[in-house]
Amino acid sequence: MAVVNTVGRRKTAIARAYMSEGKGVFTINNREAKEYFNSDVLLKVINKPFEVAELTGKYDVKINATGGGLSGQAAAISLAVARAIVELDAEQKAGLRAEGLMTRDPRMVERKKPGQKKARKKFQFSKR
C-alpha cells in the first residue's frame, strides 16, 4: 500500500498527514504524539478519527504541523487524518461526517480595524 497524503487546517495551523499501514505509530514533527501533545484532551482529539472508524493501531501516521497553537494544530491533525481514512476507505465518510470530523472549522481571528483598539473594542470615549 502506498502512502496517503492529506492536509488539514484550523485557524492558522496547517497539518500535512502521511498515512501508511503499520503498527499505529503516531509521529508529529519527528516527535512521538504523547511527547508533542502532553495533554490527554489533545491526544483524544487527534485519535478520534481512528476510534470512530475503528482503525486504532492499524496505520502509521507521520504529521508535519506548522502555525497556530497546540489546540489549532490538534484540530488540523484530526481533519487531515479523517481525510486520509476516507481516501483509503470511502465507506467511512458517513460515520466521520456524523461525528463532525470531515468539516473544516471556518472560524478565524477577526482582523483589527483602523481607528479601534482591537477588532471590536474601541478607544475610551470621553464626553467632556
N, C-alpha and C. Protein backbone atom coordinates (compact mmCIF):
# COMPACT_ATOMS: atom_id res chain seq x y z
N MET A 1 0.84 -1.19 0.00
CA MET A 1 0.00 0.00 0.00
C MET A 1 0.88 1.25 0.00
N ALA A 2 0.50 2.20 -0.80
CA ALA A 2 1.27 3.44 -0.88
C ALA A 2 0.91 4.37 0.28
N VAL A 3 1.67 5.42 0.41
CA VAL A 3 1.44 6.42 1.45
C VAL A 3 0.35 7.38 0.99
N VAL A 4 -0.62 7.65 1.87
CA VAL A 4 -1.70 8.57 1.57
C VAL A 4 -1.33 9.92 2.15
N ASN A 5 -1.42 10.97 1.33
CA ASN A 5 -1.02 12.31 1.72
C ASN A 5 -2.25 13.22 1.74
N THR A 6 -2.56 13.82 2.91
CA THR A 6 -3.69 14.74 3.03
C THR A 6 -3.29 15.95 3.86
N VAL A 7 -4.15 16.98 3.83
CA VAL A 7 -3.88 18.20 4.59
C VAL A 7 -5.12 18.60 5.39
N GLY A 8 -4.89 19.16 6.57
CA GLY A 8 -5.97 19.67 7.41
C GLY A 8 -5.60 21.05 7.91
N ARG A 9 -6.60 21.90 8.06
CA ARG A 9 -6.34 23.27 8.52
C ARG A 9 -7.33 23.66 9.61
N ARG A 10 -6.88 24.54 10.53
CA ARG A 10 -7.73 25.10 11.57
C ARG A 10 -7.08 26.40 12.03
N LYS A 11 -7.83 27.50 12.00
CA LYS A 11 -7.29 28.84 12.30
C LYS A 11 -6.06 29.06 11.40
N THR A 12 -4.88 29.26 11.98
CA THR A 12 -3.69 29.44 11.13
C THR A 12 -2.80 28.20 11.14
N ALA A 13 -3.28 27.11 11.72
CA ALA A 13 -2.50 25.87 11.79
C ALA A 13 -2.74 25.02 10.53
N ILE A 14 -1.65 24.43 10.05
CA ILE A 14 -1.72 23.54 8.89
C ILE A 14 -1.05 22.22 9.27
N ALA A 15 -1.72 21.11 8.98
CA ALA A 15 -1.16 19.79 9.27
C ALA A 15 -1.18 18.96 8.00
N ARG A 16 0.00 18.46 7.62
CA ARG A 16 0.11 17.55 6.48
C ARG A 16 0.29 16.15 7.03
N ALA A 17 -0.58 15.23 6.64
CA ALA A 17 -0.54 13.87 7.16
C ALA A 17 -0.09 12.89 6.08
N TYR A 18 0.81 11.99 6.45
CA TYR A 18 1.28 10.92 5.58
C TYR A 18 0.94 9.61 6.30
N MET A 19 -0.06 8.88 5.78
CA MET A 19 -0.56 7.69 6.46
C MET A 19 -0.25 6.44 5.65
N SER A 20 0.25 5.41 6.34
CA SER A 20 0.55 4.14 5.69
C SER A 20 0.23 3.01 6.68
N GLU A 21 0.08 1.80 6.16
CA GLU A 21 -0.20 0.66 7.03
C GLU A 21 0.96 0.43 7.97
N GLY A 22 0.63 0.05 9.20
CA GLY A 22 1.69 -0.17 10.18
C GLY A 22 1.14 -0.63 11.51
N LYS A 23 1.84 -0.23 12.58
CA LYS A 23 1.51 -0.68 13.93
C LYS A 23 0.84 0.39 14.78
N GLY A 24 0.50 1.53 14.21
CA GLY A 24 -0.18 2.58 14.97
C GLY A 24 0.77 3.63 15.54
N VAL A 25 1.94 3.81 14.92
CA VAL A 25 2.90 4.82 15.38
C VAL A 25 2.44 6.19 14.91
N PHE A 26 2.31 7.14 15.84
CA PHE A 26 1.84 8.50 15.54
C PHE A 26 3.00 9.46 15.78
N THR A 27 3.56 10.01 14.69
CA THR A 27 4.71 10.92 14.80
C THR A 27 4.31 12.31 14.34
N ILE A 28 4.58 13.31 15.18
CA ILE A 28 4.28 14.70 14.84
C ILE A 28 5.56 15.50 14.91
N ASN A 29 5.95 16.11 13.78
CA ASN A 29 7.20 16.89 13.68
C ASN A 29 8.39 16.10 14.25
N ASN A 30 8.51 14.85 13.83
CA ASN A 30 9.59 13.95 14.22
C ASN A 30 9.64 13.67 15.73
N ARG A 31 8.51 13.85 16.41
CA ARG A 31 8.40 13.52 17.84
C ARG A 31 7.17 12.65 18.03
N GLU A 32 7.20 11.82 19.06
CA GLU A 32 6.04 10.98 19.36
C GLU A 32 4.87 11.86 19.79
N ALA A 33 3.65 11.43 19.47
CA ALA A 33 2.45 12.24 19.75
C ALA A 33 2.32 12.55 21.24
N LYS A 34 2.60 11.58 22.11
CA LYS A 34 2.49 11.79 23.56
C LYS A 34 3.51 12.81 24.05
N GLU A 35 4.63 12.90 23.37
CA GLU A 35 5.65 13.88 23.72
C GLU A 35 5.28 15.27 23.21
N TYR A 36 4.69 15.32 22.00
CA TYR A 36 4.33 16.61 21.39
C TYR A 36 3.12 17.24 22.07
N PHE A 37 2.06 16.44 22.27
CA PHE A 37 0.87 16.90 22.99
C PHE A 37 0.88 16.26 24.37
N ASN A 38 1.25 17.03 25.40
CA ASN A 38 1.30 16.45 26.74
C ASN A 38 -0.07 16.47 27.42
N SER A 39 -1.10 16.92 26.72
CA SER A 39 -2.46 16.97 27.25
C SER A 39 -3.26 15.77 26.75
N ASP A 40 -3.96 15.10 27.67
CA ASP A 40 -4.78 13.95 27.28
C ASP A 40 -5.94 14.37 26.37
N VAL A 41 -6.46 15.58 26.59
CA VAL A 41 -7.58 16.08 25.77
C VAL A 41 -7.15 16.20 24.31
N LEU A 42 -5.97 16.77 24.06
CA LEU A 42 -5.49 16.94 22.69
C LEU A 42 -5.16 15.59 22.05
N LEU A 43 -4.66 14.65 22.85
CA LEU A 43 -4.39 13.31 22.33
C LEU A 43 -5.69 12.62 21.91
N LYS A 44 -6.77 12.86 22.68
CA LYS A 44 -8.07 12.29 22.31
C LYS A 44 -8.57 12.90 21.01
N VAL A 45 -8.34 14.21 20.82
CA VAL A 45 -8.78 14.90 19.60
C VAL A 45 -8.11 14.30 18.37
N ILE A 46 -6.81 14.06 18.45
CA ILE A 46 -6.10 13.55 17.27
C ILE A 46 -6.40 12.06 17.01
N ASN A 47 -6.81 11.31 18.05
CA ASN A 47 -7.11 9.89 17.88
C ASN A 47 -8.57 9.61 17.57
N LYS A 48 -9.44 10.62 17.67
CA LYS A 48 -10.87 10.41 17.48
C LYS A 48 -11.23 9.83 16.11
N PRO A 49 -10.62 10.28 14.99
CA PRO A 49 -10.97 9.69 13.70
C PRO A 49 -10.73 8.17 13.64
N PHE A 50 -9.65 7.71 14.28
CA PHE A 50 -9.36 6.27 14.31
C PHE A 50 -10.39 5.53 15.15
N GLU A 51 -10.81 6.13 16.28
CA GLU A 51 -11.80 5.48 17.15
C GLU A 51 -13.15 5.37 16.45
N VAL A 52 -13.55 6.44 15.75
CA VAL A 52 -14.84 6.43 15.05
C VAL A 52 -14.83 5.39 13.92
N ALA A 53 -13.72 5.32 13.19
CA ALA A 53 -13.61 4.38 12.07
C ALA A 53 -13.20 2.98 12.51
N GLU A 54 -12.93 2.80 13.83
CA GLU A 54 -12.50 1.52 14.40
C GLU A 54 -11.24 1.00 13.71
N LEU A 55 -10.26 1.87 13.54
CA LEU A 55 -8.99 1.51 12.90
C LEU A 55 -7.79 1.77 13.81
N THR A 56 -8.02 1.85 15.11
CA THR A 56 -6.95 2.16 16.06
C THR A 56 -5.83 1.13 15.97
N GLY A 57 -4.60 1.61 15.79
CA GLY A 57 -3.43 0.72 15.76
C GLY A 57 -3.15 0.04 14.44
N LYS A 58 -3.85 0.41 13.38
CA LYS A 58 -3.64 -0.26 12.10
C LYS A 58 -2.81 0.55 11.11
N TYR A 59 -2.63 1.85 11.40
CA TYR A 59 -1.90 2.71 10.47
C TYR A 59 -0.85 3.54 11.20
N ASP A 60 0.29 3.72 10.52
CA ASP A 60 1.32 4.65 10.99
C ASP A 60 1.02 6.01 10.39
N VAL A 61 1.14 7.06 11.19
CA VAL A 61 0.85 8.41 10.71
C VAL A 61 2.04 9.31 11.01
N LYS A 62 2.51 10.00 9.99
CA LYS A 62 3.57 10.99 10.14
C LYS A 62 2.96 12.34 9.82
N ILE A 63 3.09 13.29 10.74
CA ILE A 63 2.46 14.61 10.60
C ILE A 63 3.53 15.70 10.59
N ASN A 64 3.35 16.66 9.68
CA ASN A 64 4.12 17.90 9.71
C ASN A 64 3.12 19.00 10.05
N ALA A 65 3.24 19.57 11.25
CA ALA A 65 2.30 20.60 11.71
C ALA A 65 3.02 21.93 11.85
N THR A 66 2.42 22.99 11.30
CA THR A 66 3.01 24.32 11.40
C THR A 66 1.92 25.33 11.74
N GLY A 67 2.33 26.44 12.32
CA GLY A 67 1.43 27.56 12.59
C GLY A 67 0.47 27.31 13.72
N GLY A 68 -0.14 28.40 14.20
CA GLY A 68 -1.15 28.31 15.24
C GLY A 68 -0.60 27.82 16.56
N GLY A 69 -1.49 27.39 17.43
CA GLY A 69 -1.11 26.84 18.73
C GLY A 69 -1.37 25.35 18.76
N LEU A 70 -1.19 24.75 19.91
CA LEU A 70 -1.35 23.30 20.03
C LEU A 70 -2.78 22.86 19.77
N SER A 71 -3.75 23.63 20.25
CA SER A 71 -5.16 23.27 20.07
C SER A 71 -5.56 23.32 18.59
N GLY A 72 -5.15 24.38 17.90
CA GLY A 72 -5.42 24.50 16.47
C GLY A 72 -4.74 23.41 15.67
N GLN A 73 -3.50 23.07 16.06
CA GLN A 73 -2.77 22.01 15.37
C GLN A 73 -3.44 20.66 15.58
N ALA A 74 -3.96 20.43 16.78
CA ALA A 74 -4.63 19.16 17.07
C ALA A 74 -5.88 19.01 16.20
N ALA A 75 -6.66 20.08 16.06
CA ALA A 75 -7.86 20.04 15.23
C ALA A 75 -7.49 19.85 13.75
N ALA A 76 -6.40 20.49 13.32
CA ALA A 76 -5.94 20.34 11.94
C ALA A 76 -5.47 18.91 11.67
N ILE A 77 -4.79 18.31 12.64
CA ILE A 77 -4.33 16.93 12.51
C ILE A 77 -5.53 15.99 12.43
N SER A 78 -6.54 16.24 13.25
CA SER A 78 -7.75 15.41 13.24
C SER A 78 -8.42 15.44 11.87
N LEU A 79 -8.52 16.61 11.27
CA LEU A 79 -9.12 16.73 9.94
C LEU A 79 -8.27 16.01 8.89
N ALA A 80 -6.95 16.18 8.96
CA ALA A 80 -6.06 15.53 7.99
C ALA A 80 -6.16 14.01 8.08
N VAL A 81 -6.21 13.48 9.30
CA VAL A 81 -6.30 12.03 9.49
C VAL A 81 -7.65 11.52 8.99
N ALA A 82 -8.73 12.26 9.29
CA ALA A 82 -10.05 11.85 8.81
C ALA A 82 -10.10 11.82 7.29
N ARG A 83 -9.50 12.81 6.64
CA ARG A 83 -9.46 12.83 5.17
C ARG A 83 -8.66 11.66 4.63
N ALA A 84 -7.56 11.30 5.31
CA ALA A 84 -6.74 10.17 4.88
C ALA A 84 -7.52 8.86 5.00
N ILE A 85 -8.29 8.71 6.08
CA ILE A 85 -9.10 7.50 6.27
C ILE A 85 -10.12 7.37 5.15
N VAL A 86 -10.75 8.50 4.79
CA VAL A 86 -11.75 8.49 3.71
C VAL A 86 -11.10 8.16 2.37
N GLU A 87 -9.88 8.63 2.16
CA GLU A 87 -9.17 8.34 0.91
C GLU A 87 -8.87 6.84 0.79
N LEU A 88 -8.62 6.19 1.93
CA LEU A 88 -8.37 4.75 1.94
C LEU A 88 -9.65 3.94 1.81
N ASP A 89 -10.71 4.39 2.51
CA ASP A 89 -11.98 3.67 2.51
C ASP A 89 -13.13 4.67 2.49
N ALA A 90 -13.74 4.85 1.33
CA ALA A 90 -14.79 5.87 1.16
C ALA A 90 -16.04 5.58 1.98
N GLU A 91 -16.24 4.33 2.40
CA GLU A 91 -17.42 3.98 3.19
C GLU A 91 -17.38 4.56 4.59
N GLN A 92 -16.21 4.97 5.05
CA GLN A 92 -16.06 5.55 6.40
C GLN A 92 -16.54 7.00 6.46
N LYS A 93 -16.77 7.62 5.31
CA LYS A 93 -17.08 9.05 5.27
C LYS A 93 -18.34 9.40 6.04
N ALA A 94 -19.38 8.61 5.93
CA ALA A 94 -20.65 8.92 6.60
C ALA A 94 -20.49 8.95 8.12
N GLY A 95 -19.78 7.97 8.67
CA GLY A 95 -19.56 7.93 10.12
C GLY A 95 -18.71 9.08 10.62
N LEU A 96 -17.67 9.40 9.86
CA LEU A 96 -16.79 10.51 10.25
C LEU A 96 -17.52 11.85 10.14
N ARG A 97 -18.36 12.00 9.10
CA ARG A 97 -19.12 13.24 8.93
C ARG A 97 -20.14 13.41 10.05
N ALA A 98 -20.75 12.31 10.48
CA ALA A 98 -21.74 12.35 11.57
C ALA A 98 -21.10 12.84 12.88
N GLU A 99 -19.82 12.54 13.07
CA GLU A 99 -19.10 12.99 14.27
C GLU A 99 -18.51 14.39 14.09
N GLY A 100 -18.68 14.98 12.90
CA GLY A 100 -18.17 16.33 12.64
C GLY A 100 -16.69 16.39 12.35
N LEU A 101 -16.12 15.28 11.92
CA LEU A 101 -14.68 15.22 11.68
C LEU A 101 -14.28 15.56 10.25
N MET A 102 -15.25 15.64 9.34
CA MET A 102 -14.93 15.93 7.94
C MET A 102 -15.12 17.40 7.59
N THR A 103 -15.54 18.20 8.55
CA THR A 103 -15.83 19.61 8.30
C THR A 103 -14.66 20.47 8.75
N ARG A 104 -14.21 21.36 7.89
CA ARG A 104 -13.16 22.30 8.24
C ARG A 104 -13.80 23.43 9.02
N ASP A 105 -13.29 23.71 10.22
CA ASP A 105 -13.83 24.77 11.06
C ASP A 105 -13.44 26.12 10.47
N PRO A 106 -14.40 26.92 10.00
CA PRO A 106 -14.07 28.16 9.29
C PRO A 106 -13.73 29.35 10.19
N ARG A 107 -13.88 29.19 11.51
CA ARG A 107 -13.68 30.34 12.40
C ARG A 107 -12.22 30.78 12.42
N MET A 108 -12.02 32.06 12.14
CA MET A 108 -10.68 32.65 12.15
C MET A 108 -10.71 33.90 13.03
N VAL A 109 -9.55 34.39 13.41
CA VAL A 109 -9.46 35.61 14.20
C VAL A 109 -9.87 36.79 13.32
N GLU A 110 -10.75 37.62 13.85
CA GLU A 110 -11.21 38.79 13.11
C GLU A 110 -10.10 39.84 13.07
N ARG A 111 -9.96 40.52 11.94
CA ARG A 111 -8.87 41.48 11.80
C ARG A 111 -9.11 42.75 12.61
N LYS A 112 -8.03 43.41 12.99
CA LYS A 112 -8.10 44.68 13.70
C LYS A 112 -8.48 45.77 12.71
N LYS A 113 -9.40 46.65 13.12
CA LYS A 113 -9.83 47.74 12.25
C LYS A 113 -9.09 49.03 12.61
N PRO A 114 -8.84 49.88 11.63
CA PRO A 114 -8.16 51.15 11.92
C PRO A 114 -9.08 52.06 12.74
N GLY A 115 -8.48 52.83 13.65
CA GLY A 115 -9.25 53.73 14.50
C GLY A 115 -9.87 53.03 15.69
N GLN A 116 -9.56 51.74 15.87
CA GLN A 116 -10.05 50.99 17.01
C GLN A 116 -8.88 50.32 17.70
N LYS A 117 -9.13 49.93 18.97
CA LYS A 117 -8.08 49.31 19.76
C LYS A 117 -7.81 47.87 19.29
N LYS A 118 -8.90 47.12 19.04
CA LYS A 118 -8.81 45.75 18.55
C LYS A 118 -9.87 45.56 17.47
N ALA A 119 -10.28 44.33 17.22
CA ALA A 119 -11.25 44.08 16.15
C ALA A 119 -12.59 44.77 16.43
N ARG A 120 -13.05 44.69 17.68
CA ARG A 120 -14.33 45.30 18.03
C ARG A 120 -14.22 46.32 19.15
N LYS A 121 -13.19 46.21 19.97
CA LYS A 121 -13.01 47.14 21.09
C LYS A 121 -12.63 48.52 20.56
N LYS A 122 -13.25 49.53 21.13
CA LYS A 122 -12.96 50.91 20.72
C LYS A 122 -12.08 51.58 21.76
N PHE A 123 -11.49 52.71 21.37
CA PHE A 123 -10.75 53.52 22.34
C PHE A 123 -11.76 54.14 23.30
N GLN A 124 -11.33 54.45 24.52
CA GLN A 124 -12.24 55.01 25.52
C GLN A 124 -12.76 56.36 25.04
N PHE A 125 -14.09 56.55 25.17
CA PHE A 125 -14.75 57.77 24.73
C PHE A 125 -15.00 58.66 25.94
N SER A 126 -14.60 59.93 25.83
CA SER A 126 -14.85 60.88 26.90
C SER A 126 -15.78 61.96 26.37
N LYS A 127 -16.92 62.10 27.01
CA LYS A 127 -17.92 63.09 26.55
C LYS A 127 -17.46 64.50 26.90
N ARG A 128 -16.85 64.69 28.05
CA ARG A 128 -16.36 66.00 28.49
C ARG A 128 -14.90 65.99 28.79
